């Protein structure tokens, strides 16, 4: 199926998300809450585009909009730039300390909206960190409260007992709202400091001991003392010995 994005003819599969089609064809659409490992967010609304289909025009969120019919798409016309600028300024009111949002506001000439009050910090409550923690970690953080008091936090706003220090939450955060510090021996996140474990063979960093224990428990094995690369080398040597013996 063919669609036209900003005057460019693009081939796509029915049901494919519009943002994916645009990116595959080298067409830039700004995003904040979109992450290739955690698709289906559609929270920040920065990736809006205009879709014209059968003579009807509508504004859609491209990261969760499935292409089902031939259509024409405008990602950066005046209408979309104006709407995107308003969205970005609203996000900046929530996260005024975010450098990436400030840069996007400048790029899209976002209106001032001076009558709206600002919150403090960098978080836009997109929920990526919560999804990452529940998918890759131990579910140590959650979205709490409602309305203007809504926030991402561990239970009772204290260092979460269930946190394994994997850092997945901080790595996926689009605005760098989660403080994350790491050196050769320790990693600190959510005001908890974890000791980092290194491969017994090559010395490569493997993660925190809590992270390794968590992964081993899920897999039903014992925590490994070797990194993935060294385990593969060890397995290759074992298989070589088996083949040579036969």
C-alpha atoms as a PDB file:
ATOM      1  CA  UNK A   1       0.000   0.000   0.000  1.00  0.00           C
ATOM      2  CA  UNK A   2       1.248   3.499  -0.868  1.00  0.00           C
ATOM      3  CA  UNK A   3       0.756   6.699   1.114  1.00  0.00           C
ATOM      4  CA  UNK A   4       2.187  10.177   0.598  1.00  0.00           C
ATOM      5  CA  UNK A   5       4.082  11.831   3.457  1.00  0.00           C
ATOM      6  CA  UNK A   6       5.164  15.427   2.924  1.00  0.00           C
ATOM      7  CA  UNK A   7       4.966  14.902  -0.823  1.00  0.00           C
ATOM      8  CA  UNK A   8       7.019  11.690  -0.741  1.00  0.00           C
ATOM      9  CA  UNK A   9       5.476   8.383  -1.850  1.00  0.00           C
ATOM     10  CA  UNK A  10       5.987   5.718   0.832  1.00  0.00           C
ATOM     11  CA  UNK A  11       5.200   2.017   0.831  1.00  0.00           C
ATOM     12  CA  UNK A  12       3.773   0.473   3.984  1.00  0.00           C
ATOM     13  CA  UNK A  13       1.906  -2.543   5.292  1.00  0.00           C
ATOM     14  CA  UNK A  14      -1.744  -2.174   6.386  1.00  0.00           C
ATOM     15  CA  UNK A  15      -1.858  -1.543  10.126  1.00  0.00           C
ATOM     16  CA  UNK A  16       1.695  -0.227  10.336  1.00  0.00           C
ATOM     17  CA  UNK A  17       2.041   2.790  12.608  1.00  0.00           C
ATOM     18  CA  UNK A  18       2.476   6.056  10.746  1.00  0.00           C
ATOM     19  CA  UNK A  19       5.547   7.120  12.723  1.00  0.00           C
ATOM     20  CA  UNK A  20       7.362   3.910  11.753  1.00  0.00           C
ATOM     21  CA  UNK A  21       6.583   4.487   8.072  1.00  0.00           C
ATOM     22  CA  UNK A  22       7.876   8.055   8.249  1.00  0.00           C
ATOM     23  CA  UNK A  23      11.102   7.087  10.003  1.00  0.00           C
ATOM     24  CA  UNK A  24      11.789   4.269   7.560  1.00  0.00           C
ATOM     25  CA  UNK A  25      11.562   6.808   4.751  1.00  0.00           C
ATOM     26  CA  UNK A  26      13.830   9.341   6.399  1.00  0.00           C
ATOM     27  CA  UNK A  27      11.059  11.755   7.404  1.00  0.00           C
ATOM     28  CA  UNK A  28      11.574  13.374  10.799  1.00  0.00           C
ATOM     29  CA  UNK A  29       8.707  13.596  13.275  1.00  0.00           C
ATOM     30  CA  UNK A  30       9.680  14.762  16.803  1.00  0.00           C
ATOM     31  CA  UNK A  31       8.805  12.481  19.714  1.00  0.00           C
ATOM     32  CA  UNK A  32       9.339  12.330  23.456  1.00  0.00           C
ATOM     33  CA  UNK A  33       7.480   9.338  24.886  1.00  0.00           C
ATOM     34  CA  UNK A  34       8.133   6.987  21.947  1.00  0.00           C
ATOM     35  CA  UNK A  35      10.672   4.209  22.550  1.00  0.00           C
ATOM     36  CA  UNK A  36      11.379   1.300  20.219  1.00  0.00           C
ATOM     37  CA  UNK A  37      11.326  -1.182  23.093  1.00  0.00           C
ATOM     38  CA  UNK A  38       8.106   0.130  24.658  1.00  0.00           C
ATOM     39  CA  UNK A  39       5.736   0.980  21.825  1.00  0.00           C
ATOM     40  CA  UNK A  40       2.137   2.153  22.082  1.00  0.00           C
ATOM     41  CA  UNK A  41       2.470   5.145  24.401  1.00  0.00           C
ATOM     42  CA  UNK A  42       0.915   8.131  22.635  1.00  0.00           C
ATOM     43  CA  UNK A  43       1.169  10.192  25.827  1.00  0.00           C
ATOM     44  CA  UNK A  44       3.164  13.297  24.962  1.00  0.00           C
ATOM     45  CA  UNK A  45       1.316  14.080  21.688  1.00  0.00           C
ATOM     46  CA  UNK A  46       4.419  15.759  20.228  1.00  0.00           C
ATOM     47  CA  UNK A  47       4.360  13.448  17.184  1.00  0.00           C
ATOM     48  CA  UNK A  48       0.990  14.719  15.901  1.00  0.00           C
ATOM     49  CA  UNK A  49       0.509  14.953  12.108  1.00  0.00           C
ATOM     50  CA  UNK A  50      -2.323  15.840   9.755  1.00  0.00           C
ATOM     51  CA  UNK A  51      -3.865  12.977   7.771  1.00  0.00           C
ATOM     52  CA  UNK A  52      -6.035  13.670   4.719  1.00  0.00           C
ATOM     53  CA  UNK A  53      -8.089  10.631   3.755  1.00  0.00           C
ATOM     54  CA  UNK A  54     -10.981  10.586   1.262  1.00  0.00           C
ATOM     55  CA  UNK A  55     -11.175  14.370   1.395  1.00  0.00           C
ATOM     56  CA  UNK A  56     -11.367  14.514   5.190  1.00  0.00           C
ATOM     57  CA  UNK A  57      -8.605  16.022   7.321  1.00  0.00           C
ATOM     58  CA  UNK A  58      -7.791  15.026  10.901  1.00  0.00           C
ATOM     59  CA  UNK A  59      -4.960  15.457  13.378  1.00  0.00           C
ATOM     60  CA  UNK A  60      -3.631  12.148  14.732  1.00  0.00           C
ATOM     61  CA  UNK A  61      -0.869  10.911  17.024  1.00  0.00           C
ATOM     62  CA  UNK A  62       1.471   9.237  14.553  1.00  0.00           C
ATOM     63  CA  UNK A  63       3.139   6.770  16.950  1.00  0.00           C
ATOM     64  CA  UNK A  64      -0.164   4.930  17.563  1.00  0.00           C
ATOM     65  CA  UNK A  65      -2.031   5.667  14.336  1.00  0.00           C
ATOM     66  CA  UNK A  66      -2.308   2.544  12.130  1.00  0.00           C
ATOM     67  CA  UNK A  67      -2.330   3.180   8.386  1.00  0.00           C
ATOM     68  CA  UNK A  68      -5.339   1.318   6.974  1.00  0.00           C
ATOM     69  CA  UNK A  69      -6.055   3.239   3.758  1.00  0.00           C
ATOM     70  CA  UNK A  70      -4.211   5.296   1.191  1.00  0.00           C
ATOM     71  CA  UNK A  71      -3.829   8.839   2.496  1.00  0.00           C
ATOM     72  CA  UNK A  72      -1.781  12.020   2.406  1.00  0.00           C
ATOM     73  CA  UNK A  73       0.155  13.035   5.504  1.00  0.00           C
ATOM     74  CA  UNK A  74       1.530  16.426   6.533  1.00  0.00           C
ATOM     75  CA  UNK A  75       4.066  16.285   9.353  1.00  0.00           C
ATOM     76  CA  UNK A  76       5.194  19.891   9.528  1.00  0.00           C
ATOM     77  CA  UNK A  77       2.716  22.258   7.876  1.00  0.00           C
ATOM     78  CA  UNK A  78       1.647  25.491   9.585  1.00  0.00           C
ATOM     79  CA  UNK A  79      -1.368  23.892  11.250  1.00  0.00           C
ATOM     80  CA  UNK A  80       0.715  21.084  12.788  1.00  0.00           C
ATOM     81  CA  UNK A  81       3.590  23.382  13.784  1.00  0.00           C
ATOM     82  CA  UNK A  82       1.156  25.636  15.642  1.00  0.00           C
ATOM     83  CA  UNK A  83      -0.549  22.761  17.436  1.00  0.00           C
ATOM     84  CA  UNK A  84       2.771  21.087  18.234  1.00  0.00           C
ATOM     85  CA  UNK A  85       4.099  24.361  19.632  1.00  0.00           C
ATOM     86  CA  UNK A  86       1.161  24.605  22.050  1.00  0.00           C
ATOM     87  CA  UNK A  87       1.645  20.986  23.145  1.00  0.00           C
ATOM     88  CA  UNK A  88       5.351  21.567  23.742  1.00  0.00           C
ATOM     89  CA  UNK A  89       4.726  24.710  25.792  1.00  0.00           C
ATOM     90  CA  UNK A  90       2.206  22.858  27.937  1.00  0.00           C
ATOM     91  CA  UNK A  91       4.767  20.117  28.493  1.00  0.00           C
ATOM     92  CA  UNK A  92       7.349  22.748  29.411  1.00  0.00           C
ATOM     93  CA  UNK A  93       4.972  24.190  32.008  1.00  0.00           C
ATOM     94  CA  UNK A  94       4.993  20.753  33.626  1.00  0.00           C
ATOM     95  CA  UNK A  95       8.725  20.178  33.141  1.00  0.00           C
ATOM     96  CA  UNK A  96      10.426  23.593  32.939  1.00  0.00           C
ATOM     97  CA  UNK A  97      13.878  22.213  33.711  1.00  0.00           C
ATOM     98  CA  UNK A  98      13.945  19.878  30.702  1.00  0.00           C
ATOM     99  CA  UNK A  99      16.562  20.998  28.185  1.00  0.00           C
ATOM    100  CA  UNK A 100      15.165  18.869  25.353  1.00  0.00           C
ATOM    101  CA  UNK A 101      11.669  20.363  25.729  1.00  0.00           C
ATOM    102  CA  UNK A 102      13.127  23.863  25.850  1.00  0.00           C
ATOM    103  CA  UNK A 103      14.986  23.176  22.608  1.00  0.00           C
ATOM    104  CA  UNK A 104      11.827  21.859  20.933  1.00  0.00           C
ATOM    105  CA  UNK A 105       9.833  24.861  22.121  1.00  0.00           C
ATOM    106  CA  UNK A 106      12.384  27.120  20.465  1.00  0.00           C
ATOM    107  CA  UNK A 107      12.416  25.064  17.270  1.00  0.00           C
ATOM    108  CA  UNK A 108       8.614  25.231  16.937  1.00  0.00           C
ATOM    109  CA  UNK A 109       8.184  28.828  18.162  1.00  0.00           C
ATOM    110  CA  UNK A 110       5.946  27.693  21.006  1.00  0.00           C
ATOM    111  CA  UNK A 111       3.632  30.430  22.354  1.00  0.00           C
ATOM    112  CA  UNK A 112       4.393  31.833  25.802  1.00  0.00           C
ATOM    113  CA  UNK A 113       1.162  30.864  27.656  1.00  0.00           C
ATOM    114  CA  UNK A 114       2.256  33.117  30.517  1.00  0.00           C
ATOM    115  CA  UNK A 115      -1.016  32.775  32.422  1.00  0.00           C
ATOM    116  CA  UNK A 116      -0.351  29.099  33.162  1.00  0.00           C
ATOM    117  CA  UNK A 117       1.586  28.189  36.288  1.00  0.00           C
ATOM    118  CA  UNK A 118       4.766  26.143  36.094  1.00  0.00           C
ATOM    119  CA  UNK A 119       5.503  23.009  38.075  1.00  0.00           C
ATOM    120  CA  UNK A 120       9.050  22.028  39.010  1.00  0.00           C
ATOM    121  CA  UNK A 121      11.385  19.440  37.535  1.00  0.00           C
ATOM    122  CA  UNK A 122      11.762  17.538  34.267  1.00  0.00           C
ATOM    123  CA  UNK A 123       9.103  14.796  34.391  1.00  0.00           C
ATOM    124  CA  UNK A 124       6.229  14.848  31.858  1.00  0.00           C
ATOM    125  CA  UNK A 125       4.463  11.799  33.391  1.00  0.00           C
ATOM    126  CA  UNK A 126       4.758   9.815  30.149  1.00  0.00           C
ATOM    127  CA  UNK A 127       4.986   6.531  32.078  1.00  0.00           C
ATOM    128  CA  UNK A 128       7.893   5.068  30.104  1.00  0.00           C
ATOM    129  CA  UNK A 129       9.910   4.517  33.274  1.00  0.00           C
ATOM    130  CA  UNK A 130       7.029   2.693  34.978  1.00  0.00           C
ATOM    131  CA  UNK A 131       6.589   0.408  31.963  1.00  0.00           C
ATOM    132  CA  UNK A 132      10.320  -0.266  31.805  1.00  0.00           C
ATOM    133  CA  UNK A 133      10.423  -1.086  35.508  1.00  0.00           C
ATOM    134  CA  UNK A 134       7.464  -3.458  35.287  1.00  0.00           C
ATOM    135  CA  UNK A 135       8.802  -5.105  32.107  1.00  0.00           C
ATOM    136  CA  UNK A 136      12.545  -5.268  32.781  1.00  0.00           C
ATOM    137  CA  UNK A 137      12.758  -4.615  36.499  1.00  0.00           C
ATOM    138  CA  UNK A 138      10.876  -5.441  39.663  1.00  0.00           C
ATOM    139  CA  UNK A 139       7.959  -2.984  39.468  1.00  0.00           C
ATOM    140  CA  UNK A 140       9.474  -0.711  42.090  1.00  0.00           C
ATOM    141  CA  UNK A 141       7.900   2.571  40.903  1.00  0.00           C
ATOM    142  CA  UNK A 142       4.406   3.623  39.854  1.00  0.00           C
ATOM    143  CA  UNK A 143       2.225   6.544  38.793  1.00  0.00           C
ATOM    144  CA  UNK A 144       0.573   7.969  41.905  1.00  0.00           C
ATOM    145  CA  UNK A 145      -2.061  10.641  42.650  1.00  0.00           C
ATOM    146  CA  UNK A 146      -4.277  12.381  40.095  1.00  0.00           C
ATOM    147  CA  UNK A 147      -4.624  15.700  38.314  1.00  0.00           C
ATOM    148  CA  UNK A 148      -1.970  18.326  39.036  1.00  0.00           C
ATOM    149  CA  UNK A 149      -0.477  16.205  41.850  1.00  0.00           C
ATOM    150  CA  UNK A 150       0.123  13.201  39.595  1.00  0.00           C
ATOM    151  CA  UNK A 151       3.727  11.976  39.679  1.00  0.00           C
ATOM    152  CA  UNK A 152       6.049   9.015  39.232  1.00  0.00           C
ATOM    153  CA  UNK A 153       7.315   7.765  42.560  1.00  0.00           C
ATOM    154  CA  UNK A 154       8.268   4.724  44.640  1.00  0.00           C
ATOM    155  CA  UNK A 155       6.002   3.702  47.546  1.00  0.00           C
ATOM    156  CA  UNK A 156       5.757   6.448  50.190  1.00  0.00           C
ATOM    157  CA  UNK A 157       8.330   8.490  48.223  1.00  0.00           C
ATOM    158  CA  UNK A 158      11.124   6.556  49.925  1.00  0.00           C
ATOM    159  CA  UNK A 159      14.004   4.568  48.373  1.00  0.00           C
ATOM    160  CA  UNK A 160      12.105   1.579  46.929  1.00  0.00           C
ATOM    161  CA  UNK A 161      12.801  -1.700  48.650  1.00  0.00           C
ATOM    162  CA  UNK A 162      12.074  -3.648  45.452  1.00  0.00           C
ATOM    163  CA  UNK A 163      14.456  -1.655  43.232  1.00  0.00           C
ATOM    164  CA  UNK A 164      17.227  -3.836  41.773  1.00  0.00           C
ATOM    165  CA  UNK A 165      19.256  -0.931  40.425  1.00  0.00           C
ATOM    166  CA  UNK A 166      18.993  -1.981  36.781  1.00  0.00           C
ATOM    167  CA  UNK A 167      18.638   1.654  35.688  1.00  0.00           C
ATOM    168  CA  UNK A 168      16.075   0.838  32.993  1.00  0.00           C
ATOM    169  CA  UNK A 169      13.786   3.620  34.216  1.00  0.00           C
ATOM    170  CA  UNK A 170      16.483   6.274  33.898  1.00  0.00           C
ATOM    171  CA  UNK A 171      17.687   5.055  30.503  1.00  0.00           C
ATOM    172  CA  UNK A 172      14.269   5.284  28.834  1.00  0.00           C
ATOM    173  CA  UNK A 173      13.289   8.646  30.362  1.00  0.00           C
ATOM    174  CA  UNK A 174      13.082  11.130  27.463  1.00  0.00           C
ATOM    175  CA  UNK A 175      13.704  14.202  29.637  1.00  0.00           C
ATOM    176  CA  UNK A 176      16.400  12.803  31.984  1.00  0.00           C
ATOM    177  CA  UNK A 177      14.106  13.344  34.936  1.00  0.00           C
ATOM    178  CA  UNK A 178      15.384  10.372  36.943  1.00  0.00           C
ATOM    179  CA  UNK A 179      18.722  11.017  38.645  1.00  0.00           C
ATOM    180  CA  UNK A 180      21.190   8.299  37.812  1.00  0.00           C
ATOM    181  CA  UNK A 181      24.869   8.168  38.761  1.00  0.00           C
ATOM    182  CA  UNK A 182      27.384   5.460  38.002  1.00  0.00           C
ATOM    183  CA  UNK A 183      31.118   4.893  38.373  1.00  0.00           C
ATOM    184  CA  UNK A 184      33.354   1.848  38.080  1.00  0.00           C
ATOM    185  CA  UNK A 185      32.093   0.230  41.275  1.00  0.00           C
ATOM    186  CA  UNK A 186      28.646   1.629  42.155  1.00  0.00           C
ATOM    187  CA  UNK A 187      25.349   2.783  40.631  1.00  0.00           C
ATOM    188  CA  UNK A 188      22.923   5.140  42.390  1.00  0.00           C
ATOM    189  CA  UNK A 189      19.267   5.528  41.410  1.00  0.00           C
ATOM    190  CA  UNK A 190      16.179   6.464  43.477  1.00  0.00           C
ATOM    191  CA  UNK A 191      18.525   7.393  46.342  1.00  0.00           C
ATOM    192  CA  UNK A 192      19.785   3.817  46.587  1.00  0.00           C
ATOM    193  CA  UNK A 193      23.396   2.848  45.894  1.00  0.00           C
ATOM    194  CA  UNK A 194      24.178  -0.570  44.460  1.00  0.00           C
ATOM    195  CA  UNK A 195      27.498  -2.389  44.057  1.00  0.00           C
ATOM    196  CA  UNK A 196      28.306  -3.300  40.460  1.00  0.00           C
ATOM    197  CA  UNK A 197      29.404  -6.830  39.565  1.00  0.00           C
ATOM    198  CA  UNK A 198      32.099  -7.484  36.964  1.00  0.00           C
ATOM    199  CA  UNK A 199      32.784 -10.550  34.853  1.00  0.00           C
ATOM    200  CA  UNK A 200      35.143 -12.983  36.581  1.00  0.00           C
ATOM    201  CA  UNK A 201      36.917 -13.592  33.261  1.00  0.00           C
ATOM    202  CA  UNK A 202      37.193 -10.322  31.299  1.00  0.00           C
ATOM    203  CA  UNK A 203      36.179  -7.774  33.950  1.00  0.00           C
ATOM    204  CA  UNK A 204      33.307  -6.293  31.948  1.00  0.00           C
ATOM    205  CA  UNK A 205      30.482  -4.719  33.950  1.00  0.00           C
ATOM    206  CA  UNK A 206      27.494  -7.057  34.290  1.00  0.00           C
ATOM    207  CA  UNK A 207      25.099  -5.065  36.458  1.00  0.00           C
ATOM    208  CA  UNK A 208      24.191  -4.933  40.134  1.00  0.00           C
ATOM    209  CA  UNK A 209      24.112  -8.076  42.245  1.00  0.00           C
ATOM    210  CA  UNK A 210      20.396  -7.521  42.848  1.00  0.00           C
ATOM    211  CA  UNK A 211      19.833  -7.259  39.089  1.00  0.00           C
ATOM    212  CA  UNK A 212      21.728 -10.502  38.425  1.00  0.00           C
ATOM    213  CA  UNK A 213      19.884 -12.305  41.222  1.00  0.00           C
ATOM    214  CA  UNK A 214      16.538 -11.106  39.850  1.00  0.00           C
ATOM    215  CA  UNK A 215      17.345 -12.290  36.311  1.00  0.00           C
ATOM    216  CA  UNK A 216      18.595 -15.650  37.565  1.00  0.00           C
ATOM    217  CA  UNK A 217      15.465 -16.196  39.665  1.00  0.00           C
ATOM    218  CA  UNK A 218      13.231 -15.489  36.669  1.00  0.00           C
ATOM    219  CA  UNK A 219      15.276 -17.889  34.546  1.00  0.00           C
ATOM    220  CA  UNK A 220      15.384 -20.555  37.251  1.00  0.00           C
ATOM    221  CA  UNK A 221      19.190 -20.612  37.339  1.00  0.00           C
ATOM    222  CA  UNK A 222      22.040 -19.476  39.547  1.00  0.00           C
ATOM    223  CA  UNK A 223      23.517 -15.976  39.052  1.00  0.00           C
ATOM    224  CA  UNK A 224      26.324 -16.142  36.517  1.00  0.00           C
ATOM    225  CA  UNK A 225      29.838 -14.899  37.239  1.00  0.00           C
ATOM    226  CA  UNK A 226      30.555 -14.479  33.520  1.00  0.00           C
ATOM    227  CA  UNK A 227      29.278 -11.912  31.029  1.00  0.00           C
ATOM    228  CA  UNK A 228      27.347 -12.991  27.926  1.00  0.00           C
ATOM    229  CA  UNK A 229      30.435 -12.834  25.689  1.00  0.00           C
ATOM    230  CA  UNK A 230      32.534 -14.977  28.019  1.00  0.00           C
ATOM    231  CA  UNK A 231      29.693 -17.463  28.519  1.00  0.00           C
ATOM    232  CA  UNK A 232      29.462 -17.867  24.735  1.00  0.00           C
ATOM    233  CA  UNK A 233      33.220 -18.391  24.511  1.00  0.00           C
ATOM    234  CA  UNK A 234      33.067 -20.952  27.306  1.00  0.00           C
ATOM    235  CA  UNK A 235      30.185 -22.770  25.579  1.00  0.00           C
ATOM    236  CA  UNK A 236      32.084 -22.730  22.287  1.00  0.00           C
ATOM    237  CA  UNK A 237      35.099 -24.328  23.952  1.00  0.00           C
ATOM    238  CA  UNK A 238      32.913 -26.993  25.553  1.00  0.00           C
ATOM    239  CA  UNK A 239      31.239 -27.774  22.223  1.00  0.00           C
ATOM    240  CA  UNK A 240      34.634 -27.902  20.506  1.00  0.00           C
ATOM    241  CA  UNK A 241      35.830 -30.457  23.066  1.00  0.00           C
ATOM    242  CA  UNK A 242      32.656 -32.500  22.522  1.00  0.00           C
ATOM    243  CA  UNK A 243      33.117 -32.528  18.743  1.00  0.00           C
ATOM    244  CA  UNK A 244      36.821 -33.358  18.981  1.00  0.00           C
ATOM    245  CA  UNK A 245      36.047 -36.246  21.315  1.00  0.00           C
ATOM    246  CA  UNK A 246      33.638 -37.729  18.805  1.00  0.00           C
END
